[in-house]
Amino acid sequence: MERRYAITCDEELARRIETLAREYDLTTQEVLHQLVALGLEEVDDCETA
């Protein structure tokens, strides 16, 4: 089951997300999903190290 989350970003962070979306022809939602997944992988890697 999917869940929805909402985040609030400052202008600089929003621009960075939008830039990534344009560069890789993704939606901002897809960019955010990938960033969260990568961040969680980093947390997992730190916990197992």
N, C-alpha and C. Protein backbone atom coordinates (compact mmCIF):
# COMPACT_ATOMS: atom_id res chain seq x y z
N MET A 1 0.84 -1.18 0.00
CA MET A 1 0.00 0.00 0.00
C MET A 1 0.89 1.24 0.00
N GLU A 2 0.59 2.17 -0.87
CA GLU A 2 1.36 3.41 -0.94
C GLU A 2 0.88 4.40 0.10
N ARG A 3 1.82 5.21 0.55
CA ARG A 3 1.50 6.31 1.45
C ARG A 3 2.01 7.59 0.83
N ARG A 4 1.37 8.67 1.13
CA ARG A 4 1.79 9.97 0.62
C ARG A 4 2.36 10.78 1.78
N TYR A 5 3.44 11.48 1.46
CA TYR A 5 4.06 12.38 2.42
C TYR A 5 4.19 13.75 1.77
N ALA A 6 4.26 14.77 2.57
CA ALA A 6 4.44 16.13 2.07
C ALA A 6 5.68 16.71 2.73
N ILE A 7 6.44 17.47 1.94
CA ILE A 7 7.61 18.15 2.50
C ILE A 7 7.53 19.63 2.15
N THR A 8 8.21 20.42 2.93
CA THR A 8 8.32 21.85 2.65
C THR A 8 9.79 22.16 2.44
N CYS A 9 10.11 22.81 1.33
CA CYS A 9 11.49 23.10 0.96
C CYS A 9 11.68 24.60 0.85
N ASP A 10 12.91 25.04 1.14
CA ASP A 10 13.21 26.44 0.85
C ASP A 10 13.43 26.58 -0.66
N GLU A 11 13.53 27.80 -1.13
CA GLU A 11 13.61 28.05 -2.57
C GLU A 11 14.84 27.40 -3.22
N GLU A 12 15.97 27.43 -2.55
CA GLU A 12 17.19 26.84 -3.11
C GLU A 12 17.04 25.33 -3.31
N LEU A 13 16.53 24.66 -2.30
CA LEU A 13 16.33 23.21 -2.40
C LEU A 13 15.31 22.87 -3.48
N ALA A 14 14.24 23.64 -3.56
CA ALA A 14 13.22 23.41 -4.58
C ALA A 14 13.82 23.58 -5.97
N ARG A 15 14.67 24.59 -6.16
CA ARG A 15 15.32 24.79 -7.46
C ARG A 15 16.22 23.62 -7.82
N ARG A 16 16.93 23.10 -6.84
CA ARG A 16 17.82 21.96 -7.10
C ARG A 16 17.03 20.74 -7.51
N ILE A 17 15.90 20.49 -6.85
CA ILE A 17 15.04 19.35 -7.18
C ILE A 17 14.46 19.53 -8.59
N GLU A 18 13.99 20.72 -8.89
CA GLU A 18 13.42 21.00 -10.21
C GLU A 18 14.48 20.88 -11.31
N THR A 19 15.70 21.31 -11.01
CA THR A 19 16.79 21.20 -11.98
C THR A 19 17.10 19.74 -12.28
N LEU A 20 17.17 18.92 -11.24
CA LEU A 20 17.39 17.48 -11.46
C LEU A 20 16.28 16.87 -12.28
N ALA A 21 15.06 17.26 -12.00
CA ALA A 21 13.92 16.73 -12.74
C ALA A 21 14.03 17.08 -14.23
N ARG A 22 14.38 18.31 -14.52
CA ARG A 22 14.53 18.72 -15.93
C ARG A 22 15.69 17.99 -16.60
N GLU A 23 16.84 17.92 -15.90
CA GLU A 23 18.03 17.30 -16.48
C GLU A 23 17.81 15.83 -16.83
N TYR A 24 17.04 15.13 -16.01
CA TYR A 24 16.84 13.70 -16.20
C TYR A 24 15.45 13.34 -16.73
N ASP A 25 14.71 14.38 -17.15
CA ASP A 25 13.37 14.19 -17.70
C ASP A 25 12.48 13.36 -16.77
N LEU A 26 12.45 13.78 -15.50
CA LEU A 26 11.64 13.13 -14.47
C LEU A 26 10.68 14.15 -13.89
N THR A 27 9.70 13.65 -13.17
CA THR A 27 8.84 14.56 -12.41
C THR A 27 9.56 14.88 -11.10
N THR A 28 9.15 15.96 -10.48
CA THR A 28 9.76 16.29 -9.18
C THR A 28 9.45 15.19 -8.17
N GLN A 29 8.28 14.57 -8.29
CA GLN A 29 7.93 13.47 -7.39
C GLN A 29 8.90 12.30 -7.56
N GLU A 30 9.26 11.98 -8.81
CA GLU A 30 10.21 10.89 -9.04
C GLU A 30 11.59 11.23 -8.48
N VAL A 31 11.99 12.49 -8.64
CA VAL A 31 13.28 12.92 -8.09
C VAL A 31 13.27 12.77 -6.57
N LEU A 32 12.21 13.24 -5.94
CA LEU A 32 12.12 13.13 -4.48
C LEU A 32 12.13 11.68 -4.02
N HIS A 33 11.44 10.82 -4.73
CA HIS A 33 11.40 9.40 -4.40
C HIS A 33 12.82 8.82 -4.45
N GLN A 34 13.55 9.14 -5.52
CA GLN A 34 14.91 8.62 -5.66
C GLN A 34 15.84 9.18 -4.59
N LEU A 35 15.69 10.46 -4.26
CA LEU A 35 16.53 11.06 -3.23
C LEU A 35 16.28 10.43 -1.86
N VAL A 36 15.02 10.17 -1.55
CA VAL A 36 14.70 9.52 -0.28
C VAL A 36 15.27 8.10 -0.26
N ALA A 37 15.10 7.37 -1.35
CA ALA A 37 15.62 6.00 -1.42
C ALA A 37 17.14 5.98 -1.24
N LEU A 38 17.84 6.90 -1.90
CA LEU A 38 19.29 6.97 -1.76
C LEU A 38 19.70 7.34 -0.33
N GLY A 39 18.96 8.26 0.26
CA GLY A 39 19.25 8.65 1.64
C GLY A 39 19.06 7.49 2.61
N LEU A 40 18.01 6.71 2.40
CA LEU A 40 17.78 5.55 3.26
C LEU A 40 18.85 4.49 3.08
N GLU A 41 19.32 4.31 1.85
CA GLU A 41 20.42 3.37 1.61
C GLU A 41 21.67 3.82 2.36
N GLU A 42 21.94 5.12 2.37
CA GLU A 42 23.08 5.65 3.10
C GLU A 42 22.95 5.39 4.60
N VAL A 43 21.76 5.56 5.13
CA VAL A 43 21.52 5.31 6.56
C VAL A 43 21.77 3.83 6.84
N ASP A 44 21.23 2.96 5.98
CA ASP A 44 21.44 1.51 6.16
C ASP A 44 22.91 1.15 6.11
N ASP A 45 23.65 1.76 5.18
CA ASP A 45 25.08 1.48 5.06
C ASP A 45 25.84 1.92 6.31
N CYS A 46 25.46 3.06 6.86
CA CYS A 46 26.12 3.56 8.07
C CYS A 46 25.81 2.68 9.29
N GLU A 47 24.61 2.14 9.33
CA GLU A 47 24.22 1.30 10.46
C GLU A 47 24.92 -0.05 10.43
N THR A 48 25.25 -0.55 9.23
CA THR A 48 25.90 -1.85 9.12
C THR A 48 27.41 -1.74 9.14
N ALA A 49 27.93 -0.53 9.09
CA ALA A 49 29.39 -0.35 9.07
C ALA A 49 29.97 -0.41 10.46
